[in-house]
Amino acid sequence: MRNARELGELGERFIKRRQPGLEAQIANLADEIAYNNHDVDDGIRAGLLDLSGLREVRMFRRQYDAVVAHYPELSERRLVHEIIRRMINHLVVDFIRATQAQLAQVQPRSIEEVRAHPKPLARLSEACYAEHLELKTYLREHVYRHYKVLRMTSKARRVVHELFEAFFKDVSLMPTEHRDLALQAESAHGAAGRARTVSDYIAGMTDRYAILEHRRLFEPGERT
């Protein structure tokens, strides 16, 4: 957990529009690449995406055509796996080359020069970033805003809200360790401490466990 000084420094950098360190820039874009491409796989598995629709996306279509040309007999599952593997490789190679070019051009000599630069130094090339953004936009429209996903999001929000209300009202409903932590935090920091401990307990749950806890609390016959 970040301390107050670290949070203050983050806020100051945000207000002054300063860049994070190079390692953080790399991690941020690497996460985007990983999430986008794995969300393609998840979307196909969930039946929210199909290959014909994804071929509207330039990066996917290019890798699809290349894989089908080389391996025309692949099953759809293996085809999808190979396309995604190639898309990730394409983006990562471009990421490395574009970042190396930026560093060679700017030649920052300190972390302050990295943070003061008007744009991130860890980046994709303009052409590759445009394709990356196109994929991201496609996923937003066809996965993240799909009515089935929105329904699940709404349900998850209700589950978390009701769990918080129940545990905050009666901390004895939580396991002994967490109950004791909540009481200690309340003694030291008042209601805010109690709320923080309850939030931490819920945040540590898996999706499946949160749903199970909700059933135990709110559904008849599920109290054990």
C-alpha atoms as a PDB file:
ATOM      1  CA  MET A   1       0.000   0.000   0.000  1.00  0.00           C
ATOM      2  CA  ARG A   2       1.356   3.452  -0.904  1.00  0.00           C
ATOM      3  CA  ASN A   3       2.070   5.918   1.886  1.00  0.00           C
ATOM      4  CA  ALA A   4       0.880   9.522   1.945  1.00  0.00           C
ATOM      5  CA  ARG A   5       4.152  10.854   0.541  1.00  0.00           C
ATOM      6  CA  GLU A   6       4.061   8.523  -2.470  1.00  0.00           C
ATOM      7  CA  LEU A   7       0.430   9.393  -3.159  1.00  0.00           C
ATOM      8  CA  GLY A   8       1.291  13.081  -2.940  1.00  0.00           C
ATOM      9  CA  GLU A   9       4.107  12.668  -5.445  1.00  0.00           C
ATOM     10  CA  LEU A  10       1.792  10.796  -7.822  1.00  0.00           C
ATOM     11  CA  GLY A  11      -0.797  13.557  -7.543  1.00  0.00           C
ATOM     12  CA  GLU A  12       1.785  16.254  -8.187  1.00  0.00           C
ATOM     13  CA  ARG A  13       3.079  14.478 -11.303  1.00  0.00           C
ATOM     14  CA  PHE A  14      -0.480  14.111 -12.572  1.00  0.00           C
ATOM     15  CA  ILE A  15      -1.328  17.784 -12.026  1.00  0.00           C
ATOM     16  CA  LYS A  16       1.907  18.936 -13.655  1.00  0.00           C
ATOM     17  CA  ARG A  17       1.446  16.420 -16.511  1.00  0.00           C
ATOM     18  CA  ARG A  18       4.800  14.808 -15.805  1.00  0.00           C
ATOM     19  CA  GLN A  19       5.552  11.322 -17.052  1.00  0.00           C
ATOM     20  CA  PRO A  20       6.073   8.296 -14.797  1.00  0.00           C
ATOM     21  CA  GLY A  21       9.451   6.570 -14.761  1.00  0.00           C
ATOM     22  CA  LEU A  22      10.545   4.503 -17.740  1.00  0.00           C
ATOM     23  CA  GLU A  23       9.903   1.198 -15.978  1.00  0.00           C
ATOM     24  CA  ALA A  24       6.326   2.268 -15.191  1.00  0.00           C
ATOM     25  CA  GLN A  25       5.788   3.384 -18.796  1.00  0.00           C
ATOM     26  CA  ILE A  26       6.934   0.004 -20.070  1.00  0.00           C
ATOM     27  CA  ALA A  27       4.762  -1.872 -17.575  1.00  0.00           C
ATOM     28  CA  ASN A  28       1.712   0.231 -18.488  1.00  0.00           C
ATOM     29  CA  LEU A  29       1.904  -0.441 -22.219  1.00  0.00           C
ATOM     30  CA  ALA A  30       2.902  -4.081 -21.717  1.00  0.00           C
ATOM     31  CA  ASP A  31      -0.248  -4.548 -19.620  1.00  0.00           C
ATOM     32  CA  GLU A  32      -2.368  -2.993 -22.367  1.00  0.00           C
ATOM     33  CA  ILE A  33      -0.900  -5.329 -24.964  1.00  0.00           C
ATOM     34  CA  ALA A  34      -1.462  -8.381 -22.776  1.00  0.00           C
ATOM     35  CA  TYR A  35      -4.995  -7.456 -21.732  1.00  0.00           C
ATOM     36  CA  ASN A  36      -6.198  -6.528 -25.218  1.00  0.00           C
ATOM     37  CA  ASN A  37      -4.963  -9.701 -26.839  1.00  0.00           C
ATOM     38  CA  HIS A  38      -6.126 -12.023 -24.082  1.00  0.00           C
ATOM     39  CA  ASP A  39      -9.506 -10.302 -24.119  1.00  0.00           C
ATOM     40  CA  VAL A  40      -9.769 -11.283 -27.776  1.00  0.00           C
ATOM     41  CA  ASP A  41      -9.341 -14.922 -26.717  1.00  0.00           C
ATOM     42  CA  ASP A  42     -11.772 -14.539 -23.815  1.00  0.00           C
ATOM     43  CA  GLY A  43     -14.307 -12.831 -26.064  1.00  0.00           C
ATOM     44  CA  ILE A  44     -14.186 -15.688 -28.575  1.00  0.00           C
ATOM     45  CA  ARG A  45     -14.455 -18.324 -25.836  1.00  0.00           C
ATOM     46  CA  ALA A  46     -17.464 -16.503 -24.359  1.00  0.00           C
ATOM     47  CA  GLY A  47     -19.189 -16.294 -27.731  1.00  0.00           C
ATOM     48  CA  LEU A  48     -19.079 -12.492 -27.768  1.00  0.00           C
ATOM     49  CA  LEU A  49     -16.671 -12.329 -30.725  1.00  0.00           C
ATOM     50  CA  ASP A  50     -16.309 -14.350 -33.899  1.00  0.00           C
ATOM     51  CA  LEU A  51     -13.592 -14.604 -36.521  1.00  0.00           C
ATOM     52  CA  SER A  52     -15.588 -12.953 -39.282  1.00  0.00           C
ATOM     53  CA  GLY A  53     -16.197  -9.859 -37.182  1.00  0.00           C
ATOM     54  CA  LEU A  54     -12.620  -9.702 -35.922  1.00  0.00           C
ATOM     55  CA  ARG A  55     -11.350  -9.688 -39.502  1.00  0.00           C
ATOM     56  CA  GLU A  56     -12.620  -6.105 -39.685  1.00  0.00           C
ATOM     57  CA  VAL A  57      -9.677  -5.226 -37.396  1.00  0.00           C
ATOM     58  CA  ARG A  58      -6.522  -4.681 -39.473  1.00  0.00           C
ATOM     59  CA  MET A  59      -4.017  -6.309 -37.145  1.00  0.00           C
ATOM     60  CA  PHE A  60      -6.190  -9.383 -36.616  1.00  0.00           C
ATOM     61  CA  ARG A  61      -6.994  -9.702 -40.328  1.00  0.00           C
ATOM     62  CA  ARG A  62      -3.314  -9.549 -41.331  1.00  0.00           C
ATOM     63  CA  GLN A  63      -2.305 -12.290 -38.910  1.00  0.00           C
ATOM     64  CA  TYR A  64      -5.405 -14.340 -39.749  1.00  0.00           C
ATOM     65  CA  ASP A  65      -4.565 -14.294 -43.451  1.00  0.00           C
ATOM     66  CA  ALA A  66      -0.933 -15.220 -42.761  1.00  0.00           C
ATOM     67  CA  VAL A  67      -1.800 -18.139 -40.496  1.00  0.00           C
ATOM     68  CA  VAL A  68      -4.498 -19.529 -42.800  1.00  0.00           C
ATOM     69  CA  ALA A  69      -2.103 -19.299 -45.756  1.00  0.00           C
ATOM     70  CA  HIS A  70       0.565 -21.308 -43.932  1.00  0.00           C
ATOM     71  CA  TYR A  71      -1.678 -23.699 -41.974  1.00  0.00           C
ATOM     72  CA  PRO A  72      -4.985 -24.105 -43.833  1.00  0.00           C
ATOM     73  CA  GLU A  73      -6.002 -27.217 -41.862  1.00  0.00           C
ATOM     74  CA  LEU A  74      -5.800 -25.724 -38.362  1.00  0.00           C
ATOM     75  CA  SER A  75      -8.797 -26.083 -36.074  1.00  0.00           C
ATOM     76  CA  GLU A  76     -10.406 -22.811 -34.995  1.00  0.00           C
ATOM     77  CA  ARG A  77      -9.017 -23.093 -31.466  1.00  0.00           C
ATOM     78  CA  ARG A  78      -5.435 -23.529 -32.669  1.00  0.00           C
ATOM     79  CA  LEU A  79      -5.967 -20.869 -35.337  1.00  0.00           C
ATOM     80  CA  VAL A  80      -7.029 -18.336 -32.702  1.00  0.00           C
ATOM     81  CA  HIS A  81      -4.094 -19.265 -30.477  1.00  0.00           C
ATOM     82  CA  GLU A  82      -1.588 -18.727 -33.300  1.00  0.00           C
ATOM     83  CA  ILE A  83      -3.147 -15.426 -34.407  1.00  0.00           C
ATOM     84  CA  ILE A  84      -3.023 -14.018 -30.883  1.00  0.00           C
ATOM     85  CA  ARG A  85       0.542 -15.236 -30.390  1.00  0.00           C
ATOM     86  CA  ARG A  86       1.578 -13.439 -33.581  1.00  0.00           C
ATOM     87  CA  MET A  87      -0.280 -10.238 -32.700  1.00  0.00           C
ATOM     88  CA  ILE A  88       1.461 -10.085 -29.329  1.00  0.00           C
ATOM     89  CA  ASN A  89       4.833 -10.732 -30.944  1.00  0.00           C
ATOM     90  CA  HIS A  90       4.203  -8.034 -33.564  1.00  0.00           C
ATOM     91  CA  LEU A  91       3.330  -5.454 -30.917  1.00  0.00           C
ATOM     92  CA  VAL A  92       6.182  -6.366 -28.569  1.00  0.00           C
ATOM     93  CA  VAL A  93       8.815  -6.207 -31.321  1.00  0.00           C
ATOM     94  CA  ASP A  94       7.484  -2.836 -32.456  1.00  0.00           C
ATOM     95  CA  PHE A  95       7.369  -1.657 -28.837  1.00  0.00           C
ATOM     96  CA  ILE A  96      11.033  -2.509 -28.310  1.00  0.00           C
ATOM     97  CA  ARG A  97      12.169  -0.905 -31.561  1.00  0.00           C
ATOM     98  CA  ALA A  98      10.126   2.278 -31.136  1.00  0.00           C
ATOM     99  CA  THR A  99      11.246   2.712 -27.516  1.00  0.00           C
ATOM    100  CA  GLN A 100      14.883   2.162 -28.423  1.00  0.00           C
ATOM    101  CA  ALA A 101      14.564   4.779 -31.173  1.00  0.00           C
ATOM    102  CA  GLN A 102      12.997   7.277 -28.783  1.00  0.00           C
ATOM    103  CA  LEU A 103      15.682   6.759 -26.160  1.00  0.00           C
ATOM    104  CA  ALA A 104      18.426   7.113 -28.766  1.00  0.00           C
ATOM    105  CA  GLN A 105      16.886  10.360 -29.987  1.00  0.00           C
ATOM    106  CA  VAL A 106      16.099  11.965 -26.619  1.00  0.00           C
ATOM    107  CA  GLN A 107      19.016  10.464 -24.643  1.00  0.00           C
ATOM    108  CA  PRO A 108      17.608  11.199 -21.163  1.00  0.00           C
ATOM    109  CA  ARG A 109      20.331  11.419 -18.540  1.00  0.00           C
ATOM    110  CA  SER A 110      18.162  11.205 -15.422  1.00  0.00           C
ATOM    111  CA  ILE A 111      14.727  10.198 -14.171  1.00  0.00           C
ATOM    112  CA  GLU A 112      13.800  13.883 -14.065  1.00  0.00           C
ATOM    113  CA  GLU A 113      14.436  14.211 -17.791  1.00  0.00           C
ATOM    114  CA  VAL A 114      12.261  11.153 -18.411  1.00  0.00           C
ATOM    115  CA  ARG A 115       9.443  12.673 -16.348  1.00  0.00           C
ATOM    116  CA  ALA A 116       9.800  16.110 -17.925  1.00  0.00           C
ATOM    117  CA  HIS A 117       9.509  14.803 -21.489  1.00  0.00           C
ATOM    118  CA  PRO A 118       6.169  15.859 -23.051  1.00  0.00           C
ATOM    119  CA  LYS A 119       5.301  12.300 -24.158  1.00  0.00           C
ATOM    120  CA  PRO A 120       6.113   8.813 -22.867  1.00  0.00           C
ATOM    121  CA  LEU A 121       9.443   7.494 -24.117  1.00  0.00           C
ATOM    122  CA  ALA A 122       8.242   3.891 -23.992  1.00  0.00           C
ATOM    123  CA  ARG A 123       5.859   3.704 -26.917  1.00  0.00           C
ATOM    124  CA  LEU A 124       4.709   1.978 -30.073  1.00  0.00           C
ATOM    125  CA  SER A 125       5.348   3.365 -33.521  1.00  0.00           C
ATOM    126  CA  GLU A 126       2.547   5.580 -34.839  1.00  0.00           C
ATOM    127  CA  ALA A 127       1.355   2.961 -37.328  1.00  0.00           C
ATOM    128  CA  CYS A 128       1.391   0.155 -34.776  1.00  0.00           C
ATOM    129  CA  TYR A 129      -0.272   2.297 -32.122  1.00  0.00           C
ATOM    130  CA  ALA A 130      -3.107   3.084 -34.554  1.00  0.00           C
ATOM    131  CA  GLU A 131      -3.725  -0.650 -35.028  1.00  0.00           C
ATOM    132  CA  HIS A 132      -3.445  -1.276 -31.286  1.00  0.00           C
ATOM    133  CA  LEU A 133      -6.023   1.452 -30.674  1.00  0.00           C
ATOM    134  CA  GLU A 134      -8.312   0.027 -33.356  1.00  0.00           C
ATOM    135  CA  LEU A 135      -8.299  -3.341 -31.592  1.00  0.00           C
ATOM    136  CA  LYS A 136      -8.919  -1.657 -28.258  1.00  0.00           C
ATOM    137  CA  THR A 137     -11.884   0.256 -29.685  1.00  0.00           C
ATOM    138  CA  TYR A 138     -13.324  -2.896 -31.240  1.00  0.00           C
ATOM    139  CA  LEU A 139     -13.129  -4.712 -27.910  1.00  0.00           C
ATOM    140  CA  ARG A 140     -14.813  -1.822 -26.123  1.00  0.00           C
ATOM    141  CA  GLU A 141     -17.754  -1.884 -28.513  1.00  0.00           C
ATOM    142  CA  HIS A 142     -18.143  -5.663 -28.864  1.00  0.00           C
ATOM    143  CA  VAL A 143     -17.001  -7.043 -25.494  1.00  0.00           C
ATOM    144  CA  TYR A 144     -16.915  -4.491 -22.686  1.00  0.00           C
ATOM    145  CA  ARG A 145     -20.233  -2.907 -23.752  1.00  0.00           C
ATOM    146  CA  HIS A 146     -21.933  -6.167 -24.717  1.00  0.00           C
ATOM    147  CA  TYR A 147     -25.254  -6.490 -22.913  1.00  0.00           C
ATOM    148  CA  LYS A 148     -24.211  -9.784 -21.305  1.00  0.00           C
ATOM    149  CA  VAL A 149     -21.071  -8.188 -19.877  1.00  0.00           C
ATOM    150  CA  LEU A 150     -23.007  -5.133 -18.687  1.00  0.00           C
ATOM    151  CA  ARG A 151     -25.496  -7.406 -16.933  1.00  0.00           C
ATOM    152  CA  MET A 152     -22.700  -9.242 -15.135  1.00  0.00           C
ATOM    153  CA  THR A 153     -21.070  -5.942 -14.190  1.00  0.00           C
ATOM    154  CA  SER A 154     -24.333  -4.705 -12.735  1.00  0.00           C
ATOM    155  CA  LYS A 155     -24.765  -7.938 -10.779  1.00  0.00           C
ATOM    156  CA  ALA A 156     -21.181  -7.771  -9.472  1.00  0.00           C
ATOM    157  CA  ARG A 157     -21.674  -4.167  -8.366  1.00  0.00           C
ATOM    158  CA  ARG A 158     -24.810  -5.161  -6.440  1.00  0.00           C
ATOM    159  CA  VAL A 159     -23.059  -8.136  -4.798  1.00  0.00           C
ATOM    160  CA  VAL A 160     -20.109  -6.021  -3.645  1.00  0.00           C
ATOM    161  CA  HIS A 161     -22.374  -3.233  -2.396  1.00  0.00           C
ATOM    162  CA  GLU A 162     -24.575  -5.602  -0.400  1.00  0.00           C
ATOM    163  CA  LEU A 163     -21.603  -7.467   1.055  1.00  0.00           C
ATOM    164  CA  PHE A 164     -20.083  -4.201   2.207  1.00  0.00           C
ATOM    165  CA  GLU A 165     -23.331  -3.019   3.776  1.00  0.00           C
ATOM    166  CA  ALA A 166     -23.790  -6.309   5.632  1.00  0.00           C
ATOM    167  CA  PHE A 167     -20.216  -6.591   6.930  1.00  0.00           C
ATOM    168  CA  PHE A 168     -19.955  -2.928   7.862  1.00  0.00           C
ATOM    169  CA  LYS A 169     -23.190  -3.102   9.814  1.00  0.00           C
ATOM    170  CA  ASP A 170     -22.162  -6.280  11.640  1.00  0.00           C
ATOM    171  CA  VAL A 171     -18.437  -7.141  11.535  1.00  0.00           C
ATOM    172  CA  SER A 172     -19.128 -10.389  13.416  1.00  0.00           C
ATOM    173  CA  LEU A 173     -20.352 -11.769  10.074  1.00  0.00           C
ATOM    174  CA  MET A 174     -16.736 -11.807   8.894  1.00  0.00           C
ATOM    175  CA  PRO A 175     -14.202 -14.476   9.917  1.00  0.00           C
ATOM    176  CA  THR A 176     -12.701 -13.897  13.369  1.00  0.00           C
ATOM    177  CA  GLU A 177      -9.382 -12.537  12.084  1.00  0.00           C
ATOM    178  CA  HIS A 178     -11.050  -9.912   9.928  1.00  0.00           C
ATOM    179  CA  ARG A 179     -13.618  -9.069  12.583  1.00  0.00           C
ATOM    180  CA  ASP A 180     -10.834  -8.355  15.070  1.00  0.00           C
ATOM    181  CA  LEU A 181      -8.943  -6.250  12.545  1.00  0.00           C
ATOM    182  CA  ALA A 182     -12.093  -4.233  11.849  1.00  0.00           C
ATOM    183  CA  LEU A 183     -12.674  -3.585  15.547  1.00  0.00           C
ATOM    184  CA  GLN A 184      -9.052  -2.546  16.048  1.00  0.00           C
ATOM    185  CA  ALA A 185      -9.175  -0.229  13.053  1.00  0.00           C
ATOM    186  CA  GLU A 186     -12.429   1.286  14.282  1.00  0.00           C
ATOM    187  CA  SER A 187     -10.915   1.882  17.697  1.00  0.00           C
ATOM    188  CA  ALA A 188      -7.968   3.686  16.114  1.00  0.00           C
ATOM    189  CA  HIS A 189      -9.635   5.511  13.202  1.00  0.00           C
ATOM    190  CA  GLY A 190     -13.384   5.416  13.779  1.00  0.00           C
ATOM    191  CA  ALA A 191     -15.885   4.428  11.109  1.00  0.00           C
ATOM    192  CA  ALA A 192     -13.333   5.051   8.353  1.00  0.00           C
ATOM    193  CA  GLY A 193     -11.066   2.370   9.830  1.00  0.00           C
ATOM    194  CA  ARG A 194     -13.951  -0.084  10.040  1.00  0.00           C
ATOM    195  CA  ALA A 195     -14.911   0.645   6.432  1.00  0.00           C
ATOM    196  CA  ARG A 196     -11.320   0.252   5.226  1.00  0.00           C
ATOM    197  CA  THR A 197     -10.976  -3.187   6.829  1.00  0.00           C
ATOM    198  CA  VAL A 198     -14.302  -4.383   5.434  1.00  0.00           C
ATOM    199  CA  SER A 199     -13.267  -3.116   1.974  1.00  0.00           C
ATOM    200  CA  ASP A 200      -9.926  -4.934   2.221  1.00  0.00           C
ATOM    201  CA  TYR A 201     -11.673  -8.166   3.168  1.00  0.00           C
ATOM    202  CA  ILE A 202     -14.014  -7.973   0.177  1.00  0.00           C
ATOM    203  CA  ALA A 203     -11.192  -6.940  -2.169  1.00  0.00           C
ATOM    204  CA  GLY A 204      -9.314 -10.122  -1.241  1.00  0.00           C
ATOM    205  CA  MET A 205     -12.170 -12.367  -2.396  1.00  0.00           C
ATOM    206  CA  THR A 206     -12.234 -14.174  -5.717  1.00  0.00           C
ATOM    207  CA  ASP A 207     -15.366 -13.649  -7.824  1.00  0.00           C
ATOM    208  CA  ARG A 208     -16.590 -17.129  -6.970  1.00  0.00           C
ATOM    209  CA  TYR A 209     -16.051 -16.684  -3.241  1.00  0.00           C
ATOM    210  CA  ALA A 210     -17.799 -13.289  -3.211  1.00  0.00           C
ATOM    211  CA  ILE A 211     -20.858 -14.828  -4.882  1.00  0.00           C
ATOM    212  CA  LEU A 212     -20.790 -17.713  -2.398  1.00  0.00           C
ATOM    213  CA  GLU A 213     -20.576 -15.314   0.559  1.00  0.00           C
ATOM    214  CA  HIS A 214     -23.476 -13.313  -0.865  1.00  0.00           C
ATOM    215  CA  ARG A 215     -25.585 -16.461  -1.140  1.00  0.00           C
ATOM    216  CA  ARG A 216     -24.745 -17.439   2.431  1.00  0.00           C
ATOM    217  CA  LEU A 217     -25.859 -14.054   3.714  1.00  0.00           C
ATOM    218  CA  PHE A 218     -28.908 -13.332   1.601  1.00  0.00           C
ATOM    219  CA  GLU A 219     -30.368 -16.597   0.296  1.00  0.00           C
ATOM    220  CA  PRO A 220     -32.525 -18.857   2.534  1.00  0.00           C
ATOM    221  CA  GLY A 221     -30.848 -22.117   3.487  1.00  0.00           C
ATOM    222  CA  GLU A 222     -27.353 -20.813   2.616  1.00  0.00           C
ATOM    223  CA  ARG A 223     -26.230 -19.639   6.057  1.00  0.00           C
ATOM    224  CA  THR A 224     -23.408 -22.123   6.650  1.00  0.00           C
END
